N, C-alpha and C. Protein backbone atom coordinates (compact mmCIF):
# COMPACT_ATOMS: atom_id res chain seq x y z
N MET A 1 0.85 -1.18 0.00
CA MET A 1 0.00 0.00 0.00
C MET A 1 0.89 1.24 0.00
N LYS A 2 0.65 2.12 -0.95
CA LYS A 2 1.45 3.36 -1.04
C LYS A 2 0.74 4.51 -0.35
N HIS A 3 1.53 5.28 0.36
CA HIS A 3 1.01 6.47 1.01
C HIS A 3 1.70 7.67 0.39
N HIS A 4 0.95 8.70 0.14
CA HIS A 4 1.52 9.92 -0.43
C HIS A 4 1.34 11.06 0.55
N LEU A 5 2.40 11.76 0.74
CA LEU A 5 2.36 12.94 1.60
C LEU A 5 2.29 14.17 0.70
N SER A 6 1.30 14.96 0.89
CA SER A 6 1.15 16.18 0.10
C SER A 6 1.31 17.38 1.01
N VAL A 7 2.27 18.22 0.67
CA VAL A 7 2.55 19.40 1.49
C VAL A 7 2.47 20.64 0.61
N GLU A 8 1.68 21.58 1.03
CA GLU A 8 1.62 22.85 0.31
C GLU A 8 2.41 23.88 1.11
N LEU A 9 3.39 24.48 0.45
CA LEU A 9 4.21 25.48 1.11
C LEU A 9 3.55 26.85 0.99
N GLU A 10 3.54 27.55 2.08
CA GLU A 10 3.01 28.91 2.08
C GLU A 10 4.14 29.85 2.47
N PHE A 11 4.30 30.89 1.69
CA PHE A 11 5.33 31.88 1.97
C PHE A 11 4.66 33.18 2.34
N ASP A 12 5.13 33.77 3.41
CA ASP A 12 4.53 35.01 3.90
C ASP A 12 5.46 36.18 3.60
N PHE A 13 5.87 36.31 2.33
CA PHE A 13 6.71 37.43 1.94
C PHE A 13 6.55 37.70 0.45
N LEU A 14 6.95 38.88 0.06
CA LEU A 14 7.00 39.26 -1.35
C LEU A 14 8.46 39.24 -1.78
N LEU A 15 8.71 38.83 -3.01
CA LEU A 15 10.06 38.78 -3.53
C LEU A 15 10.09 39.47 -4.88
N PHE A 16 10.96 40.47 -4.99
CA PHE A 16 11.11 41.24 -6.22
C PHE A 16 12.51 41.03 -6.76
N GLY A 17 12.64 40.94 -8.06
CA GLY A 17 13.94 40.83 -8.70
C GLY A 17 14.28 42.14 -9.39
N LEU A 18 15.53 42.57 -9.25
CA LEU A 18 15.99 43.81 -9.87
C LEU A 18 17.17 43.54 -10.79
N SER A 19 17.14 44.16 -11.94
CA SER A 19 18.29 44.15 -12.82
C SER A 19 18.89 45.54 -12.76
N CYS A 20 20.10 45.64 -12.24
CA CYS A 20 20.70 46.94 -11.98
C CYS A 20 22.22 46.80 -11.96
N HIS A 21 22.92 47.72 -12.61
CA HIS A 21 24.37 47.64 -12.67
C HIS A 21 25.07 48.45 -11.58
N GLU A 22 24.29 49.03 -10.65
CA GLU A 22 24.88 49.77 -9.54
C GLU A 22 25.49 48.79 -8.53
N LYS A 23 26.47 49.25 -7.80
CA LYS A 23 27.02 48.47 -6.69
C LYS A 23 25.95 48.37 -5.60
N GLU A 24 26.02 47.34 -4.78
CA GLU A 24 24.98 47.09 -3.79
C GLU A 24 24.83 48.23 -2.78
N TYR A 25 25.92 48.86 -2.39
CA TYR A 25 25.83 49.94 -1.41
C TYR A 25 25.13 51.17 -2.01
N ARG A 26 25.34 51.42 -3.31
CA ARG A 26 24.66 52.54 -3.96
C ARG A 26 23.17 52.23 -4.14
N LEU A 27 22.86 51.01 -4.50
CA LEU A 27 21.46 50.61 -4.63
C LEU A 27 20.75 50.72 -3.29
N ALA A 28 21.38 50.25 -2.22
CA ALA A 28 20.79 50.36 -0.88
C ALA A 28 20.55 51.82 -0.53
N TRP A 29 21.50 52.68 -0.86
CA TRP A 29 21.35 54.11 -0.58
C TRP A 29 20.16 54.68 -1.34
N PHE A 30 20.02 54.35 -2.64
CA PHE A 30 18.89 54.83 -3.45
C PHE A 30 17.56 54.34 -2.90
N ILE A 31 17.52 53.08 -2.51
CA ILE A 31 16.28 52.52 -1.95
C ILE A 31 15.94 53.22 -0.64
N ASN A 32 16.93 53.40 0.22
CA ASN A 32 16.70 54.12 1.48
C ASN A 32 16.14 55.51 1.23
N LYS A 33 16.75 56.22 0.28
CA LYS A 33 16.34 57.59 -0.03
C LYS A 33 14.91 57.62 -0.60
N ALA A 34 14.61 56.72 -1.54
CA ALA A 34 13.31 56.71 -2.21
C ALA A 34 12.17 56.23 -1.31
N LEU A 35 12.45 55.24 -0.45
CA LEU A 35 11.39 54.63 0.34
C LEU A 35 11.43 55.01 1.82
N GLY A 36 12.42 55.80 2.21
CA GLY A 36 12.52 56.19 3.61
C GLY A 36 12.89 55.04 4.52
N LEU A 37 13.66 54.10 4.02
CA LEU A 37 14.10 52.95 4.83
C LEU A 37 15.49 53.21 5.39
N LEU A 38 15.96 52.31 6.20
CA LEU A 38 17.31 52.38 6.75
C LEU A 38 18.00 51.03 6.55
N LEU A 39 18.06 50.58 5.30
CA LEU A 39 18.77 49.33 5.01
C LEU A 39 20.21 49.47 5.49
N SER A 40 20.69 48.50 6.23
CA SER A 40 22.08 48.55 6.68
C SER A 40 22.77 47.24 6.32
N CYS A 41 24.06 47.35 6.09
CA CYS A 41 24.86 46.21 5.65
C CYS A 41 25.01 45.20 6.78
N GLU A 42 24.75 43.95 6.48
CA GLU A 42 24.95 42.84 7.41
C GLU A 42 26.13 42.02 6.88
N ASP A 43 26.49 40.97 7.59
CA ASP A 43 27.52 40.06 7.09
C ASP A 43 27.05 39.44 5.78
N ASP A 44 27.99 39.24 4.86
CA ASP A 44 27.64 38.61 3.59
C ASP A 44 27.04 37.24 3.82
N LEU A 45 26.13 36.88 2.92
CA LEU A 45 25.54 35.55 2.93
C LEU A 45 26.49 34.62 2.19
N LYS A 46 26.98 33.61 2.85
CA LYS A 46 27.91 32.64 2.26
C LYS A 46 27.10 31.43 1.79
N VAL A 47 27.34 31.04 0.54
CA VAL A 47 26.60 29.93 -0.06
C VAL A 47 27.58 28.93 -0.66
N SER A 48 27.40 27.67 -0.32
CA SER A 48 28.22 26.59 -0.91
C SER A 48 27.37 25.86 -1.93
N GLN A 49 27.90 25.77 -3.15
CA GLN A 49 27.23 25.05 -4.22
C GLN A 49 28.23 24.12 -4.86
N LYS A 50 27.79 23.32 -5.81
CA LYS A 50 28.68 22.38 -6.50
C LYS A 50 29.86 23.11 -7.15
N SER A 51 29.60 24.33 -7.64
CA SER A 51 30.64 25.09 -8.33
C SER A 51 31.59 25.80 -7.36
N GLY A 52 31.33 25.72 -6.07
CA GLY A 52 32.18 26.36 -5.08
C GLY A 52 31.40 27.26 -4.15
N GLU A 53 32.11 28.02 -3.32
CA GLU A 53 31.48 28.91 -2.35
C GLU A 53 31.43 30.33 -2.91
N SER A 54 30.35 31.04 -2.62
CA SER A 54 30.22 32.43 -3.03
C SER A 54 29.69 33.27 -1.87
N SER A 55 30.00 34.56 -1.89
CA SER A 55 29.53 35.51 -0.87
C SER A 55 28.64 36.53 -1.54
N HIS A 56 27.50 36.83 -0.91
CA HIS A 56 26.53 37.74 -1.49
C HIS A 56 26.18 38.83 -0.49
N ALA A 57 26.24 40.08 -0.95
CA ALA A 57 25.92 41.22 -0.08
C ALA A 57 24.50 41.09 0.45
N PHE A 58 24.33 41.50 1.72
CA PHE A 58 23.08 41.32 2.43
C PHE A 58 22.80 42.59 3.23
N TYR A 59 21.69 43.26 2.93
CA TYR A 59 21.27 44.47 3.63
C TYR A 59 19.90 44.21 4.23
N ARG A 60 19.69 44.74 5.45
CA ARG A 60 18.41 44.49 6.11
C ARG A 60 17.92 45.74 6.84
N TYR A 61 16.60 45.87 6.88
CA TYR A 61 15.95 46.90 7.69
C TYR A 61 14.72 46.27 8.31
N VAL A 62 14.56 46.39 9.62
CA VAL A 62 13.40 45.87 10.33
C VAL A 62 12.54 47.04 10.78
N ASP A 63 11.30 47.03 10.32
CA ASP A 63 10.31 48.04 10.70
C ASP A 63 9.44 47.39 11.78
N GLU A 64 9.83 47.58 13.03
CA GLU A 64 9.14 46.92 14.14
C GLU A 64 7.70 47.43 14.30
N GLU A 65 7.49 48.70 14.04
CA GLU A 65 6.15 49.29 14.19
C GLU A 65 5.13 48.60 13.28
N ASN A 66 5.52 48.31 12.05
CA ASN A 66 4.61 47.68 11.08
C ASN A 66 4.87 46.18 10.92
N GLU A 67 5.77 45.66 11.75
CA GLU A 67 6.13 44.24 11.72
C GLU A 67 6.53 43.78 10.32
N LEU A 68 7.43 44.54 9.70
CA LEU A 68 7.94 44.24 8.37
C LEU A 68 9.46 44.16 8.40
N GLN A 69 10.00 43.35 7.53
CA GLN A 69 11.45 43.28 7.36
C GLN A 69 11.75 43.41 5.87
N PHE A 70 12.71 44.25 5.54
CA PHE A 70 13.12 44.46 4.16
C PHE A 70 14.54 43.93 4.02
N VAL A 71 14.78 43.13 2.98
CA VAL A 71 16.10 42.55 2.74
C VAL A 71 16.48 42.82 1.29
N LEU A 72 17.69 43.33 1.10
CA LEU A 72 18.28 43.48 -0.22
C LEU A 72 19.39 42.44 -0.30
N LEU A 73 19.32 41.56 -1.29
CA LEU A 73 20.26 40.46 -1.41
C LEU A 73 20.84 40.41 -2.81
N GLN A 74 22.14 40.35 -2.88
CA GLN A 74 22.85 40.32 -4.15
C GLN A 74 22.78 38.92 -4.75
N ASN A 75 22.31 38.83 -5.99
CA ASN A 75 22.25 37.54 -6.68
C ASN A 75 23.53 37.24 -7.44
N ARG A 76 24.07 38.23 -8.13
CA ARG A 76 25.24 38.00 -8.99
C ARG A 76 26.49 38.62 -8.37
N THR A 77 27.53 37.82 -8.28
CA THR A 77 28.84 38.30 -7.85
C THR A 77 29.88 37.77 -8.84
N SER A 78 31.12 38.18 -8.67
CA SER A 78 32.18 37.66 -9.53
C SER A 78 32.42 36.18 -9.29
N GLU A 79 31.95 35.67 -8.13
CA GLU A 79 32.11 34.26 -7.78
C GLU A 79 31.00 33.37 -8.34
N GLY A 80 29.89 34.01 -8.77
CA GLY A 80 28.76 33.24 -9.29
C GLY A 80 27.43 33.81 -8.84
N TRP A 81 26.38 33.03 -9.01
CA TRP A 81 25.03 33.46 -8.69
C TRP A 81 24.52 32.76 -7.44
N LEU A 82 23.71 33.47 -6.68
CA LEU A 82 23.01 32.87 -5.55
C LEU A 82 21.99 31.87 -6.09
N LEU A 83 21.19 32.34 -7.06
CA LEU A 83 20.20 31.49 -7.74
C LEU A 83 20.50 31.50 -9.24
N PRO A 84 21.27 30.53 -9.72
CA PRO A 84 21.69 30.53 -11.13
C PRO A 84 20.54 30.46 -12.12
N GLU A 85 19.38 29.98 -11.68
CA GLU A 85 18.23 29.92 -12.59
C GLU A 85 17.65 31.31 -12.88
N PHE A 86 18.12 32.33 -12.16
CA PHE A 86 17.68 33.71 -12.38
C PHE A 86 18.89 34.58 -12.71
N LYS A 87 19.63 34.22 -13.72
CA LYS A 87 20.86 34.93 -14.08
C LYS A 87 20.62 36.36 -14.57
N GLU A 88 19.41 36.66 -15.01
CA GLU A 88 19.12 38.02 -15.47
C GLU A 88 18.82 38.97 -14.31
N ILE A 89 18.71 38.46 -13.11
CA ILE A 89 18.41 39.27 -11.93
C ILE A 89 19.70 39.51 -11.14
N ASP A 90 19.98 40.78 -10.86
CA ASP A 90 21.19 41.14 -10.11
C ASP A 90 20.95 41.16 -8.60
N TYR A 91 19.75 41.57 -8.19
CA TYR A 91 19.43 41.70 -6.75
C TYR A 91 18.00 41.22 -6.50
N PHE A 92 17.77 40.78 -5.30
CA PHE A 92 16.42 40.44 -4.83
C PHE A 92 16.07 41.38 -3.68
N ILE A 93 14.82 41.78 -3.64
CA ILE A 93 14.28 42.51 -2.49
C ILE A 93 13.17 41.65 -1.91
N LYS A 94 13.32 41.32 -0.64
CA LYS A 94 12.32 40.50 0.06
C LYS A 94 11.65 41.39 1.10
N VAL A 95 10.33 41.37 1.11
CA VAL A 95 9.55 42.14 2.08
C VAL A 95 8.66 41.18 2.84
């Protein structure tokens, strides 16, 4: 007798992809200025994949009053991509 487990994943965030040739610190500055946020640089996100390890810039702002968190994450670096299936995207913004 076969049993099947069915799981539906629910994500409670929005994810936007950006194509932009600016450096991550300049992009964070523009986003802060335009949206009134305070994205600040965190430790790089280190990722190990078959092709090797890569480091990706990581900026975060927590809006405690509205219970929101904003993350700017670099997809493309000289070491490779965070998500290679999205090579046309340079950065992700997660809200």
